[in-house]
PDB file of N, CA and C in Angstrom:
ATOM      1  N   THR A   1      13.955  39.657 -31.264  1.00  0.00           N
ATOM      2  CA  THR A   1      14.944  39.226 -30.930  1.00  0.00           C
ATOM      3  C   THR A   1      15.158  38.346 -29.422  1.00  0.00           C
ATOM      4  N   ASP A   2      13.971  38.464 -28.759  1.00  0.00           N
ATOM      5  CA  ASP A   2      13.927  38.053 -27.505  1.00  0.00           C
ATOM      6  C   ASP A   2      12.785  36.813 -27.421  1.00  0.00           C
ATOM      7  N   ALA A   3      12.959  35.731 -27.284  1.00  0.00           N
ATOM      8  CA  ALA A   3      12.076  34.784 -27.454  1.00  0.00           C
ATOM      9  C   ALA A   3      11.122  34.470 -26.370  1.00  0.00           C
ATOM     10  N   THR A   4      11.453  35.372 -25.280  1.00  0.00           N
ATOM     11  CA  THR A   4      10.669  35.356 -24.058  1.00  0.00           C
ATOM     12  C   THR A   4       9.561  36.475 -24.061  1.00  0.00           C
ATOM     13  N   ARG A   5       9.404  37.187 -25.336  1.00  0.00           N
ATOM     14  CA  ARG A   5       8.615  38.220 -25.456  1.00  0.00           C
ATOM     15  C   ARG A   5       8.019  38.238 -26.742  1.00  0.00           C
ATOM     16  N   SER A   6       6.498  38.174 -26.559  1.00  0.00           N
ATOM     17  CA  SER A   6       5.770  38.016 -27.727  1.00  0.00           C
ATOM     18  C   SER A   6       4.326  38.439 -27.522  1.00  0.00           C
ATOM     19  N   PRO A   7       3.324  39.100 -28.349  1.00  0.00           N
ATOM     20  CA  PRO A   7       1.925  39.029 -28.201  1.00  0.00           C
ATOM     21  C   PRO A   7       1.220  37.860 -27.812  1.00  0.00           C
ATOM     22  N   SER A   8       1.907  36.683 -28.175  1.00  0.00           N
ATOM     23  CA  SER A   8       1.243  35.560 -28.256  1.00  0.00           C
ATOM     24  C   SER A   8       1.572  34.651 -26.997  1.00  0.00           C
ATOM     25  N   ILE A   9       2.615  34.975 -26.204  1.00  0.00           N
ATOM     26  CA  ILE A   9       3.178  34.585 -25.137  1.00  0.00           C
ATOM     27  C   ILE A   9       2.434  34.803 -23.729  1.00  0.00           C
ATOM     28  N   GLU A  10       1.913  33.901 -22.830  1.00  0.00           N
ATOM     29  CA  GLU A  10       1.175  34.264 -21.559  1.00  0.00           C
ATOM     30  C   GLU A  10       2.301  34.944 -20.813  1.00  0.00           C
ATOM     31  N   GLU A  11       1.901  35.943 -19.958  1.00  0.00           N
ATOM     32  CA  GLU A  11       2.597  36.546 -18.964  1.00  0.00           C
ATOM     33  C   GLU A  11       3.050  35.547 -17.786  1.00  0.00           C
ATOM     34  N   VAL A  12       4.245  35.629 -17.456  1.00  0.00           N
ATOM     35  CA  VAL A  12       4.654  34.951 -16.313  1.00  0.00           C
ATOM     36  C   VAL A  12       5.417  36.104 -15.301  1.00  0.00           C
ATOM     37  N   CYS A  13       5.509  35.607 -14.000  1.00  0.00           N
ATOM     38  CA  CYS A  13       6.100  36.668 -13.084  1.00  0.00           C
ATOM     39  C   CYS A  13       7.606  36.330 -13.110  1.00  0.00           C
ATOM     40  N   ASP A  14       8.225  37.385 -13.948  1.00  0.00           N
ATOM     41  CA  ASP A  14       9.798  37.160 -14.015  1.00  0.00           C
ATOM     42  C   ASP A  14      10.246  38.534 -14.303  1.00  0.00           C
ATOM     43  N   GLY A  15       9.435  39.652 -14.107  1.00  0.00           N
ATOM     44  CA  GLY A  15       9.951  41.055 -14.180  1.00  0.00           C
ATOM     45  C   GLY A  15      10.080  41.396 -15.591  1.00  0.00           C
ATOM     46  N   ILE A  16       9.631  40.690 -16.636  1.00  0.00           N
ATOM     47  CA  ILE A  16       9.391  41.101 -17.918  1.00  0.00           C
ATOM     48  C   ILE A  16       8.229  41.110 -18.423  1.00  0.00           C
ATOM     49  N   ASP A  17       8.082  42.084 -19.584  1.00  0.00           N
ATOM     50  CA  ASP A  17       6.809  42.295 -20.054  1.00  0.00           C
ATOM     51  C   ASP A  17       6.698  41.157 -21.289  1.00  0.00           C
ATOM     52  N   ASN A  18       6.342  39.945 -20.915  1.00  0.00           N
ATOM     53  CA  ASN A  18       6.376  38.810 -21.745  1.00  0.00           C
ATOM     54  C   ASN A  18       5.307  38.908 -22.916  1.00  0.00           C
ATOM     55  N   ASN A  19       4.225  39.369 -22.737  1.00  0.00           N
ATOM     56  CA  ASN A  19       3.114  39.647 -23.795  1.00  0.00           C
ATOM     57  C   ASN A  19       3.128  41.042 -24.520  1.00  0.00           C
ATOM     58  N   CYS A  20       4.116  41.914 -24.204  1.00  0.00           N
ATOM     59  CA  CYS A  20       4.223  43.092 -24.993  1.00  0.00           C
ATOM     60  C   CYS A  20       3.205  44.017 -24.990  1.00  0.00           C
ATOM     61  N   ASP A  21       2.539  44.162 -23.777  1.00  0.00           N
ATOM     62  CA  ASP A  21       1.404  45.095 -23.606  1.00  0.00           C
ATOM     63  C   ASP A  21       1.771  46.199 -22.866  1.00  0.00           C
ATOM     64  N   ASP A  22       3.084  46.307 -22.447  1.00  0.00           N
ATOM     65  CA  ASP A  22       3.640  47.493 -21.622  1.00  0.00           C
ATOM     66  C   ASP A  22       3.437  47.361 -20.303  1.00  0.00           C
ATOM     67  N   GLU A  23       2.888  46.229 -19.940  1.00  0.00           N
ATOM     68  CA  GLU A  23       2.773  46.059 -18.275  1.00  0.00           C
ATOM     69  C   GLU A  23       3.442  44.816 -17.940  1.00  0.00           C
ATOM     70  N   VAL A  24       4.139  44.706 -16.659  1.00  0.00           N
ATOM     71  CA  VAL A  24       5.000  43.917 -16.406  1.00  0.00           C
ATOM     72  C   VAL A  24       4.397  43.124 -15.424  1.00  0.00           C
ATOM     73  N   ASP A  25       4.383  41.738 -15.473  1.00  0.00           N
ATOM     74  CA  ASP A  25       3.787  40.761 -14.456  1.00  0.00           C
ATOM     75  C   ASP A  25       2.219  40.900 -14.116  1.00  0.00           C
ATOM     76  N   GLU A  26       1.444  41.595 -14.759  1.00  0.00           N
ATOM     77  CA  GLU A  26       0.233  41.778 -14.491  1.00  0.00           C
ATOM     78  C   GLU A  26      -0.600  40.654 -14.543  1.00  0.00           C
ATOM     79  N   GLY A  27      -1.269  40.304 -13.522  1.00  0.00           N
ATOM     80  CA  GLY A  27      -2.223  39.087 -13.368  1.00  0.00           C
ATOM     81  C   GLY A  27      -1.403  37.914 -12.793  1.00  0.00           C
ATOM     82  N   VAL A  28      -0.325  37.995 -12.633  1.00  0.00           N
ATOM     83  CA  VAL A  28       0.473  36.973 -11.879  1.00  0.00           C
ATOM     84  C   VAL A  28       1.332  37.416 -10.886  1.00  0.00           C
ATOM     85  N   SER A  29       1.531  38.424 -10.531  1.00  0.00           N
ATOM     86  CA  SER A  29       2.317  39.077  -9.295  1.00  0.00           C
ATOM     87  C   SER A  29       1.223  39.233  -8.058  1.00  0.00           C
ATOM     88  N   ILE A  30       1.647  39.256  -6.976  1.00  0.00           N
ATOM     89  CA  ILE A  30       0.821  39.672  -5.745  1.00  0.00           C
ATOM     90  C   ILE A  30       1.543  40.804  -4.940  1.00  0.00           C
ATOM     91  N   GLU A  31       0.617  41.489  -4.265  1.00  0.00           N
ATOM     92  CA  GLU A  31       0.896  42.336  -3.251  1.00  0.00           C
ATOM     93  C   GLU A  31       1.259  41.606  -1.997  1.00  0.00           C
ATOM     94  N   ILE A  32       2.191  42.068  -1.316  1.00  0.00           N
ATOM     95  CA  ILE A  32       2.551  41.588  -0.028  1.00  0.00           C
ATOM     96  C   ILE A  32       2.912  42.824   0.884  1.00  0.00           C
ATOM     97  N   TYR A  33       2.893  42.416   2.143  1.00  0.00           N
ATOM     98  CA  TYR A  33       3.093  43.589   3.255  1.00  0.00           C
ATOM     99  C   TYR A  33       4.043  42.893   4.231  1.00  0.00           C
ATOM    100  N   PRO A  34       5.124  43.694   4.755  1.00  0.00           N
ATOM    101  CA  PRO A  34       5.820  43.421   5.826  1.00  0.00           C
ATOM    102  C   PRO A  34       5.194  42.954   7.113  1.00  0.00           C
ATOM    103  N   ASP A  35       5.209  41.890   7.846  1.00  0.00           N
ATOM    104  CA  ASP A  35       4.652  41.293   8.937  1.00  0.00           C
ATOM    105  C   ASP A  35       5.811  40.973  10.138  1.00  0.00           C
ATOM    106  N   GLY A  36       6.191  42.186  10.767  1.00  0.00           N
ATOM    107  CA  GLY A  36       7.384  41.967  11.750  1.00  0.00           C
ATOM    108  C   GLY A  36       6.732  41.291  12.906  1.00  0.00           C
ATOM    109  N   ASP A  37       5.527  41.299  13.319  1.00  0.00           N
ATOM    110  CA  ASP A  37       5.370  40.667  14.664  1.00  0.00           C
ATOM    111  C   ASP A  37       4.499  39.411  14.414  1.00  0.00           C
ATOM    112  N   GLY A  38       4.229  38.878  13.028  1.00  0.00           N
ATOM    113  CA  GLY A  38       3.825  37.738  12.850  1.00  0.00           C
ATOM    114  C   GLY A  38       2.333  37.312  13.036  1.00  0.00           C
ATOM    115  N   ASP A  39       1.437  38.393  13.152  1.00  0.00           N
ATOM    116  CA  ASP A  39       0.213  38.290  13.300  1.00  0.00           C
ATOM    117  C   ASP A  39      -0.697  38.125  12.223  1.00  0.00           C
ATOM    118  N   GLY A  40      -0.055  38.052  10.942  1.00  0.00           N
ATOM    119  CA  GLY A  40      -0.993  37.891  10.011  1.00  0.00           C
ATOM    120  C   GLY A  40      -1.294  39.069   9.136  1.00  0.00           C
ATOM    121  N   PHE A  41      -1.024  40.045   9.544  1.00  0.00           N
ATOM    122  CA  PHE A  41      -1.145  41.566   9.261  1.00  0.00           C
ATOM    123  C   PHE A  41      -0.067  42.149   8.796  1.00  0.00           C
ATOM    124  N   GLY A  42      -0.035  42.897   7.583  1.00  0.00           N
ATOM    125  CA  GLY A  42       1.149  43.590   7.532  1.00  0.00           C
ATOM    126  C   GLY A  42       1.091  45.069   7.269  1.00  0.00           C
ATOM    127  N   LEU A  43       1.963  45.855   7.183  1.00  0.00           N
ATOM    128  CA  LEU A  43       2.167  47.459   6.984  1.00  0.00           C
ATOM    129  C   LEU A  43       1.615  47.843   5.857  1.00  0.00           C
ATOM    130  N   THR A  44       0.473  48.433   5.752  1.00  0.00           N
ATOM    131  CA  THR A  44      -0.069  48.877   4.470  1.00  0.00           C
ATOM    132  C   THR A  44       0.887  49.796   3.698  1.00  0.00           C
ATOM    133  N   ASP A  45       1.216  50.692   4.205  1.00  0.00           N
ATOM    134  CA  ASP A  45       2.084  51.687   3.445  1.00  0.00           C
ATOM    135  C   ASP A  45       3.559  50.936   3.106  1.00  0.00           C
ATOM    136  N   ASP A  46       3.914  50.001   3.421  1.00  0.00           N
ATOM    137  CA  ASP A  46       5.094  49.297   2.869  1.00  0.00           C
ATOM    138  C   ASP A  46       4.991  48.043   1.896  1.00  0.00           C
ATOM    139  N   ARG A  47       3.981  48.316   1.354  1.00  0.00           N
ATOM    140  CA  ARG A  47       3.451  47.191   0.173  1.00  0.00           C
ATOM    141  C   ARG A  47       4.749  46.977  -0.865  1.00  0.00           C
ATOM    142  N   GLU A  48       4.771  45.785  -1.141  1.00  0.00           N
ATOM    143  CA  GLU A  48       5.668  45.355  -2.384  1.00  0.00           C
ATOM    144  C   GLU A  48       4.916  44.499  -3.299  1.00  0.00           C
ATOM    145  N   THR A  49       5.468  44.248  -4.468  1.00  0.00           N
ATOM    146  CA  THR A  49       4.790  43.425  -5.376  1.00  0.00           C
ATOM    147  C   THR A  49       5.928  42.175  -5.544  1.00  0.00           C
ATOM    148  N   ALA A  50       5.484  40.824  -5.724  1.00  0.00           N
ATOM    149  CA  ALA A  50       6.300  39.855  -5.577  1.00  0.00           C
ATOM    150  C   ALA A  50       5.698  38.567  -6.556  1.00  0.00           C
ATOM    151  N   CYS A  51       6.635  37.639  -6.813  1.00  0.00           N
ATOM    152  CA  CYS A  51       5.941  36.554  -7.481  1.00  0.00           C
ATOM    153  C   CYS A  51       5.223  35.618  -6.780  1.00  0.00           C
ATOM    154  N   GLU A  52       5.751  35.534  -5.242  1.00  0.00           N
ATOM    155  CA  GLU A  52       5.112  34.545  -4.297  1.00  0.00           C
ATOM    156  C   GLU A  52       5.424  35.183  -2.976  1.00  0.00           C
ATOM    157  N   LEU A  53       4.807  34.664  -1.996  1.00  0.00           N
ATOM    158  CA  LEU A  53       4.764  35.100  -0.695  1.00  0.00           C
ATOM    159  C   LEU A  53       6.073  34.802   0.041  1.00  0.00           C
ATOM    160  N   LEU A  54       6.628  35.889   0.610  1.00  0.00           N
ATOM    161  CA  LEU A  54       8.111  35.671   0.912  1.00  0.00           C
ATOM    162  C   LEU A  54       7.950  35.478   2.564  1.00  0.00           C
ATOM    163  N   SER A  55       8.986  35.050   2.999  1.00  0.00           N
ATOM    164  CA  SER A  55       8.970  34.840   4.566  1.00  0.00           C
ATOM    165  C   SER A  55       8.966  36.352   5.251  1.00  0.00           C
ATOM    166  N   GLY A  56       8.272  36.322   6.328  1.00  0.00           N
ATOM    167  CA  GLY A  56       8.188  37.574   7.146  1.00  0.00           C
ATOM    168  C   GLY A  56       6.967  38.597   6.434  1.00  0.00           C
ATOM    169  N   PHE A  57       6.429  38.253   5.390  1.00  0.00           N
ATOM    170  CA  PHE A  57       5.547  39.186   4.844  1.00  0.00           C
ATOM    171  C   PHE A  57       4.081  38.308   4.773  1.00  0.00           C
ATOM    172  N   THR A  58       2.964  38.942   4.451  1.00  0.00           N
ATOM    173  CA  THR A  58       1.712  38.424   4.388  1.00  0.00           C
ATOM    174  C   THR A  58       0.839  39.247   3.264  1.00  0.00           C
ATOM    175  N   THR A  59      -0.242  38.549   2.763  1.00  0.00           N
ATOM    176  CA  THR A  59      -0.933  39.377   1.878  1.00  0.00           C
ATOM    177  C   THR A  59      -2.167  40.021   2.515  1.00  0.00           C
ATOM    178  N   THR A  60      -2.213  40.128   3.572  1.00  0.00           N
ATOM    179  CA  THR A  60      -3.234  40.894   4.150  1.00  0.00           C
ATOM    180  C   THR A  60      -2.617  42.330   4.907  1.00  0.00           C
ATOM    181  N   ALA A  61      -3.193  43.384   4.479  1.00  0.00           N
ATOM    182  CA  ALA A  61      -2.855  44.693   4.967  1.00  0.00           C
ATOM    183  C   ALA A  61      -3.482  44.855   6.315  1.00  0.00           C
ATOM    184  N   GLY A  62      -3.319  46.077   6.783  1.00  0.00           N
ATOM    185  CA  GLY A  62      -4.001  46.599   7.873  1.00  0.00           C
ATOM    186  C   GLY A  62      -3.171  46.626   9.409  1.00  0.00           C
ATOM    187  N   ASP A  63      -1.889  46.342   9.387  1.00  0.00           N
ATOM    188  CA  ASP A  63      -1.358  46.320  10.644  1.00  0.00           C
ATOM    189  C   ASP A  63      -0.773  47.851  11.176  1.00  0.00           C
ATOM    190  N   CYS A  64      -1.461  48.202  12.201  1.00  0.00           N
ATOM    191  CA  CYS A  64      -1.186  49.677  12.499  1.00  0.00           C
ATOM    192  C   CYS A  64       0.079  49.708  13.653  1.00  0.00           C
ATOM    193  N   ASP A  65       0.339  48.556  14.138  1.00  0.00           N
ATOM    194  CA  ASP A  65       1.552  48.532  15.307  1.00  0.00           C
ATOM    195  C   ASP A  65       2.020  47.022  14.953  1.00  0.00           C
ATOM    196  N   ASP A  66       3.184  47.021  14.189  1.00  0.00           N
ATOM    197  CA  ASP A  66       3.888  45.876  13.657  1.00  0.00           C
ATOM    198  C   ASP A  66       5.015  45.381  14.525  1.00  0.00           C
ATOM    199  N   ASP A  67       4.965  46.049  15.867  1.00  0.00           N
ATOM    200  CA  ASP A  67       5.623  45.521  16.933  1.00  0.00           C
ATOM    201  C   ASP A  67       4.922  44.778  17.967  1.00  0.00           C
ATOM    202  N   ASN A  68       3.418  44.601  17.992  1.00  0.00           N
ATOM    203  CA  ASN A  68       2.630  44.238  18.829  1.00  0.00           C
ATOM    204  C   ASN A  68       1.563  43.222  18.049  1.00  0.00           C
ATOM    205  N   ALA A  69       1.745  41.777  18.168  1.00  0.00           N
ATOM    206  CA  ALA A  69       0.910  40.969  17.494  1.00  0.00           C
ATOM    207  C   ALA A  69      -0.707  41.045  17.993  1.00  0.00           C
ATOM    208  N   GLU A  70      -0.830  41.730  18.966  1.00  0.00           N
ATOM    209  CA  GLU A  70      -2.254  41.795  19.398  1.00  0.00           C
ATOM    210  C   GLU A  70      -2.845  43.059  19.050  1.00  0.00           C
ATOM    211  N   ILE A  71      -2.146  44.018  18.110  1.00  0.00           N
ATOM    212  CA  ILE A  71      -2.732  45.266  17.764  1.00  0.00           C
ATOM    213  C   ILE A  71      -2.757  45.265  16.227  1.00  0.00           C
ATOM    214  N   TYR A  72      -3.882  45.326  15.578  1.00  0.00           N
ATOM    215  CA  TYR A  72      -4.014  45.440  14.062  1.00  0.00           C
ATOM    216  C   TYR A  72      -5.382  45.859  13.616  1.00  0.00           C
ATOM    217  N   GLN A  73      -5.617  46.285  12.487  1.00  0.00           N
ATOM    218  CA  GLN A  73      -6.930  46.824  12.121  1.00  0.00           C
ATOM    219  C   GLN A  73      -7.579  46.174  11.103  1.00  0.00           C
ATOM    220  N   ILE A  74      -8.796  45.687  11.129  1.00  0.00           N
ATOM    221  CA  ILE A  74      -9.373  44.709  10.209  1.00  0.00           C
ATOM    222  C   ILE A  74     -10.335  45.621   9.525  1.00  0.00           C
ATOM    223  N   TYR A  75     -10.179  45.752   8.199  1.00  0.00           N
ATOM    224  CA  TYR A  75     -10.986  46.445   7.292  1.00  0.00           C
ATOM    225  C   TYR A  75     -11.305  45.722   5.982  1.00  0.00           C
TER     226      TYR A  75
END
């Protein structure tokens, strides 16, 4: 009854299991991390999943002090 869901439909980032495989947005969403100090590194423990990079976030984890742009951990 839902034309946006079928095993033959390609998954899109919309919060719906489009291809009926019991996973939502797999392969099309990204993990983002809040980056309060703008150094390009985000808080690892505060990871979110989104369809696109949002303002104030980064795709690189590893900031151990998000109040100081000079302090982060590269791993």
